[in-house]
């Protein structure tokens, strides 16, 4: 009986440790709205995908979630990414034409 109690206590301790670990892990992965939008911008790899992100940004800004400063920074990131995608597309097209 004593052995069963020890095992039960050990199991409870492990469960408590697991719950604490899971809670800490979850807290570490919480992102702010700004961070989440930056992540969406970074993950968008086409002009079409960026257009969707931009539309979301506008809706979120209009609902008062972002400040003007945050909106400005995020919008600049979108424009920079659009330019990078277009430059990459043009460069690839030129490279294909020169290798023919």
N, C-alpha and C. Protein backbone atom coordinates (compact mmCIF):
# COMPACT_ATOMS: atom_id res chain seq x y z
N UNK A 1 0.83 -1.20 0.00
CA UNK A 1 0.00 0.00 0.00
C UNK A 1 0.87 1.26 0.00
N UNK A 2 1.92 1.23 0.77
CA UNK A 2 2.84 2.37 0.85
C UNK A 2 3.47 2.63 -0.53
N UNK A 3 3.80 1.55 -1.21
CA UNK A 3 4.41 1.65 -2.53
C UNK A 3 3.43 2.31 -3.52
N UNK A 4 2.17 1.98 -3.44
CA UNK A 4 1.15 2.55 -4.32
C UNK A 4 1.00 4.05 -4.04
N UNK A 5 1.03 4.43 -2.75
CA UNK A 5 0.92 5.85 -2.40
C UNK A 5 2.11 6.62 -2.96
N UNK A 6 3.32 6.03 -2.84
CA UNK A 6 4.51 6.70 -3.36
C UNK A 6 4.40 6.89 -4.87
N UNK A 7 3.95 5.86 -5.56
CA UNK A 7 3.79 5.95 -7.02
C UNK A 7 2.74 7.00 -7.39
N UNK A 8 1.66 7.03 -6.63
CA UNK A 8 0.60 8.01 -6.88
C UNK A 8 1.13 9.43 -6.67
N UNK A 9 1.87 9.65 -5.60
CA UNK A 9 2.45 10.97 -5.34
C UNK A 9 3.44 11.36 -6.44
N UNK A 10 4.23 10.40 -6.86
CA UNK A 10 5.20 10.65 -7.92
C UNK A 10 4.48 11.03 -9.22
N UNK A 11 3.41 10.31 -9.51
CA UNK A 11 2.63 10.59 -10.70
C UNK A 11 2.00 11.98 -10.62
N UNK A 12 1.46 12.34 -9.46
CA UNK A 12 0.88 13.67 -9.28
C UNK A 12 1.93 14.76 -9.46
N UNK A 13 3.11 14.53 -8.92
CA UNK A 13 4.20 15.49 -9.06
C UNK A 13 4.58 15.66 -10.53
N UNK A 14 4.64 14.54 -11.26
CA UNK A 14 4.97 14.61 -12.68
C UNK A 14 3.89 15.36 -13.46
N UNK A 15 2.65 15.10 -13.14
CA UNK A 15 1.54 15.79 -13.82
C UNK A 15 1.61 17.29 -13.55
N UNK A 16 1.91 17.65 -12.32
CA UNK A 16 2.05 19.06 -11.97
C UNK A 16 3.19 19.70 -12.72
N UNK A 17 4.30 19.01 -12.85
CA UNK A 17 5.45 19.52 -13.59
C UNK A 17 5.11 19.66 -15.06
N UNK A 18 4.41 18.69 -15.60
CA UNK A 18 4.01 18.74 -17.00
C UNK A 18 3.08 19.92 -17.27
N UNK A 19 2.12 20.12 -16.37
CA UNK A 19 1.18 21.23 -16.54
C UNK A 19 1.92 22.57 -16.47
N UNK A 20 2.87 22.69 -15.55
CA UNK A 20 3.65 23.92 -15.43
C UNK A 20 4.48 24.15 -16.69
N UNK A 21 5.09 23.09 -17.19
CA UNK A 21 5.90 23.19 -18.40
C UNK A 21 5.04 23.60 -19.59
N UNK A 22 3.87 23.00 -19.73
CA UNK A 22 2.98 23.34 -20.83
C UNK A 22 2.51 24.78 -20.73
N UNK A 23 2.21 25.25 -19.53
CA UNK A 23 1.77 26.62 -19.33
C UNK A 23 2.88 27.59 -19.72
N UNK A 24 4.11 27.32 -19.28
CA UNK A 24 5.24 28.19 -19.62
C UNK A 24 5.47 28.20 -21.13
N UNK A 25 5.37 27.02 -21.74
CA UNK A 25 5.57 26.91 -23.18
C UNK A 25 4.52 27.73 -23.92
N UNK A 26 3.28 27.64 -23.49
CA UNK A 26 2.20 28.38 -24.13
C UNK A 26 2.40 29.88 -23.98
N UNK A 27 2.83 30.31 -22.80
CA UNK A 27 3.06 31.73 -22.56
C UNK A 27 4.19 32.27 -23.42
N UNK A 28 5.21 31.44 -23.67
CA UNK A 28 6.33 31.88 -24.48
C UNK A 28 5.92 32.08 -25.93
N UNK A 29 4.88 31.39 -26.38
CA UNK A 29 4.48 31.46 -27.77
C UNK A 29 3.35 32.44 -28.04
N UNK A 30 2.94 33.18 -27.03
CA UNK A 30 1.94 34.20 -27.26
C UNK A 30 2.58 35.34 -28.02
N UNK A 31 1.92 35.76 -29.07
CA UNK A 31 2.44 36.87 -29.86
C UNK A 31 1.48 38.05 -29.75
N UNK A 32 2.05 39.21 -29.89
CA UNK A 32 1.20 40.38 -29.97
C UNK A 32 0.58 40.41 -31.37
N UNK A 33 -0.43 41.22 -31.54
CA UNK A 33 -1.04 41.37 -32.86
C UNK A 33 -0.01 41.86 -33.87
N UNK A 34 0.84 42.76 -33.42
CA UNK A 34 1.89 43.30 -34.29
C UNK A 34 2.84 42.19 -34.74
N UNK A 35 3.29 41.36 -33.79
CA UNK A 35 4.21 40.27 -34.12
C UNK A 35 3.55 39.27 -35.06
N UNK A 36 2.29 39.00 -34.84
CA UNK A 36 1.56 38.06 -35.70
C UNK A 36 1.47 38.61 -37.12
N UNK A 37 1.24 39.91 -37.25
CA UNK A 37 1.15 40.51 -38.58
C UNK A 37 2.51 40.50 -39.27
N UNK A 38 3.58 40.77 -38.53
CA UNK A 38 4.93 40.70 -39.09
C UNK A 38 5.19 39.28 -39.60
N UNK A 39 4.78 38.30 -38.82
CA UNK A 39 4.97 36.91 -39.22
C UNK A 39 4.19 36.61 -40.52
N UNK A 40 2.97 37.10 -40.61
CA UNK A 40 2.18 36.88 -41.83
C UNK A 40 2.84 37.54 -43.04
N UNK A 41 3.39 38.74 -42.83
CA UNK A 41 4.08 39.43 -43.93
C UNK A 41 5.29 38.61 -44.36
N UNK A 42 6.06 38.14 -43.40
CA UNK A 42 7.26 37.37 -43.71
C UNK A 42 6.94 36.06 -44.42
N UNK A 43 5.81 35.46 -44.11
CA UNK A 43 5.44 34.18 -44.70
C UNK A 43 4.82 34.32 -46.09
N UNK A 44 4.35 35.50 -46.43
CA UNK A 44 3.74 35.72 -47.74
C UNK A 44 4.83 35.72 -48.80
N UNK A 45 4.67 34.87 -49.82
CA UNK A 45 5.71 34.75 -50.84
C UNK A 45 5.26 35.16 -52.23
N UNK A 46 4.04 35.65 -52.33
CA UNK A 46 3.55 36.13 -53.63
C UNK A 46 2.89 37.49 -53.43
N UNK A 47 2.75 38.20 -54.53
CA UNK A 47 2.08 39.50 -54.48
C UNK A 47 0.62 39.31 -54.06
N UNK A 48 0.02 38.22 -54.51
CA UNK A 48 -1.38 37.93 -54.16
C UNK A 48 -1.52 37.69 -52.66
N UNK A 49 -0.60 36.92 -52.09
CA UNK A 49 -0.63 36.65 -50.65
C UNK A 49 -0.43 37.94 -49.86
N UNK A 50 0.45 38.80 -50.34
CA UNK A 50 0.67 40.08 -49.67
C UNK A 50 -0.57 40.97 -49.76
N UNK A 51 -1.30 40.88 -50.86
CA UNK A 51 -2.53 41.67 -51.01
C UNK A 51 -3.55 41.26 -49.94
N UNK A 52 -3.62 39.96 -49.66
CA UNK A 52 -4.52 39.48 -48.61
C UNK A 52 -4.07 39.99 -47.24
N UNK A 53 -2.77 39.96 -47.00
CA UNK A 53 -2.24 40.46 -45.73
C UNK A 53 -2.52 41.95 -45.60
N UNK A 54 -2.34 42.66 -46.68
CA UNK A 54 -2.59 44.10 -46.67
C UNK A 54 -4.06 44.40 -46.37
N UNK A 55 -4.94 43.61 -46.95
CA UNK A 55 -6.37 43.78 -46.70
C UNK A 55 -6.68 43.53 -45.22
N UNK A 56 -6.07 42.50 -44.67
CA UNK A 56 -6.26 42.21 -43.24
C UNK A 56 -5.73 43.34 -42.38
N UNK A 57 -4.57 43.85 -42.76
CA UNK A 57 -3.97 44.96 -42.02
C UNK A 57 -4.92 46.16 -42.00
N UNK A 58 -5.48 46.47 -43.14
CA UNK A 58 -6.42 47.61 -43.22
C UNK A 58 -7.62 47.39 -42.31
N UNK A 59 -8.19 46.18 -42.36
CA UNK A 59 -9.36 45.90 -41.51
C UNK A 59 -9.01 46.01 -40.03
N UNK A 60 -7.85 45.46 -39.66
CA UNK A 60 -7.44 45.49 -38.25
C UNK A 60 -7.16 46.92 -37.81
N UNK A 61 -6.51 47.69 -38.67
CA UNK A 61 -6.24 49.09 -38.34
C UNK A 61 -7.54 49.87 -38.17
N UNK A 62 -8.46 49.65 -39.10
CA UNK A 62 -9.74 50.36 -39.04
C UNK A 62 -10.56 50.00 -37.81
N UNK A 63 -10.29 48.83 -37.23
CA UNK A 63 -11.01 48.45 -36.01
C UNK A 63 -10.30 48.97 -34.75
N UNK A 64 -9.18 49.67 -34.94
CA UNK A 64 -8.50 50.31 -33.82
C UNK A 64 -7.48 49.46 -33.09
N UNK A 65 -7.08 48.34 -33.68
CA UNK A 65 -6.12 47.45 -33.02
C UNK A 65 -4.70 48.02 -33.09
N UNK A 66 -4.32 48.57 -34.25
CA UNK A 66 -2.97 49.11 -34.42
C UNK A 66 -2.97 50.63 -34.32
N UNK A 67 -1.87 51.15 -33.82
CA UNK A 67 -1.67 52.60 -33.82
C UNK A 67 -1.25 53.02 -35.23
N UNK A 68 -1.27 54.30 -35.48
CA UNK A 68 -0.83 54.82 -36.78
C UNK A 68 0.62 54.44 -37.02
N UNK A 69 1.43 54.53 -35.99
CA UNK A 69 2.84 54.18 -36.10
C UNK A 69 3.02 52.70 -36.46
N UNK A 70 2.30 51.83 -35.79
CA UNK A 70 2.39 50.40 -36.09
C UNK A 70 1.91 50.12 -37.51
N UNK A 71 0.80 50.73 -37.88
CA UNK A 71 0.26 50.54 -39.22
C UNK A 71 1.28 50.97 -40.27
N UNK A 72 1.90 52.11 -40.02
CA UNK A 72 2.90 52.64 -40.95
C UNK A 72 4.06 51.67 -41.13
N UNK A 73 4.57 51.16 -40.03
CA UNK A 73 5.69 50.21 -40.09
C UNK A 73 5.30 48.93 -40.82
N UNK A 74 4.12 48.42 -40.51
CA UNK A 74 3.67 47.19 -41.16
C UNK A 74 3.42 47.41 -42.65
N UNK A 75 2.83 48.54 -42.99
CA UNK A 75 2.59 48.85 -44.39
C UNK A 75 3.91 48.96 -45.15
N UNK A 76 4.91 49.58 -44.53
CA UNK A 76 6.23 49.68 -45.15
C UNK A 76 6.84 48.30 -45.37
N UNK A 77 6.65 47.41 -44.41
CA UNK A 77 7.16 46.04 -44.56
C UNK A 77 6.49 45.34 -45.75
N UNK A 78 5.20 45.57 -45.90
CA UNK A 78 4.47 44.96 -47.02
C UNK A 78 5.01 45.50 -48.35
N UNK A 79 5.17 46.82 -48.43
CA UNK A 79 5.68 47.43 -49.66
C UNK A 79 7.09 46.92 -49.96
N UNK A 80 7.95 46.86 -48.95
CA UNK A 80 9.31 46.35 -49.15
C UNK A 80 9.29 44.91 -49.66
N UNK A 81 8.40 44.11 -49.11
CA UNK A 81 8.30 42.71 -49.52
C UNK A 81 7.77 42.62 -50.94
N UNK A 82 6.79 43.47 -51.30
CA UNK A 82 6.27 43.47 -52.67
C UNK A 82 7.38 43.82 -53.66
N UNK A 83 8.18 44.81 -53.32
CA UNK A 83 9.29 45.21 -54.19
C UNK A 83 10.28 44.06 -54.33
N UNK A 84 10.61 43.41 -53.22
CA UNK A 84 11.56 42.30 -53.26
C UNK A 84 11.05 41.16 -54.14
N UNK A 85 9.76 40.87 -54.03
CA UNK A 85 9.17 39.80 -54.84
C UNK A 85 9.22 40.17 -56.33
N UNK A 86 8.87 41.41 -56.64
CA UNK A 86 8.89 41.85 -58.04
C UNK A 86 10.31 41.87 -58.60
N UNK A 87 11.26 42.36 -57.83
CA UNK A 87 12.66 42.39 -58.28
C UNK A 87 13.14 40.96 -58.53
N UNK A 88 12.79 40.06 -57.64
CA UNK A 88 13.17 38.65 -57.80
C UNK A 88 12.55 38.07 -59.07
N UNK A 89 11.28 38.38 -59.31
CA UNK A 89 10.60 37.88 -60.51
C UNK A 89 11.26 38.42 -61.78
N UNK A 90 11.57 39.70 -61.79
CA UNK A 90 12.21 40.32 -62.96
C UNK A 90 13.59 39.73 -63.18
N UNK A 91 14.33 39.56 -62.11
CA UNK A 91 15.68 39.00 -62.21
C UNK A 91 15.63 37.58 -62.78
N UNK A 92 14.69 36.79 -62.30
CA UNK A 92 14.56 35.43 -62.81
C UNK A 92 14.17 35.42 -64.28
N UNK A 93 13.29 36.32 -64.66
CA UNK A 93 12.86 36.41 -66.06
C UNK A 93 14.04 36.79 -66.94
N UNK A 94 14.82 37.76 -66.50
CA UNK A 94 15.99 38.18 -67.28
C UNK A 94 17.02 37.07 -67.38
N UNK A 95 17.18 36.35 -66.29
CA UNK A 95 18.15 35.24 -66.29
C UNK A 95 17.71 34.15 -67.27
N UNK A 96 16.43 33.85 -67.30
CA UNK A 96 15.91 32.85 -68.24
C UNK A 96 16.13 33.29 -69.68
N UNK A 97 15.93 34.59 -69.94
CA UNK A 97 16.09 35.11 -71.30
C UNK A 97 17.54 35.08 -71.75
N UNK A 98 18.47 35.32 -70.84
CA UNK A 98 19.89 35.33 -71.21
C UNK A 98 20.46 33.92 -71.35
N UNK A 99 19.83 32.95 -70.76
CA UNK A 99 20.33 31.58 -70.85
C UNK A 99 19.75 30.82 -72.03
N UNK A 100 18.87 31.45 -72.80
CA UNK A 100 18.29 30.80 -73.97
C UNK A 100 19.24 30.73 -75.10
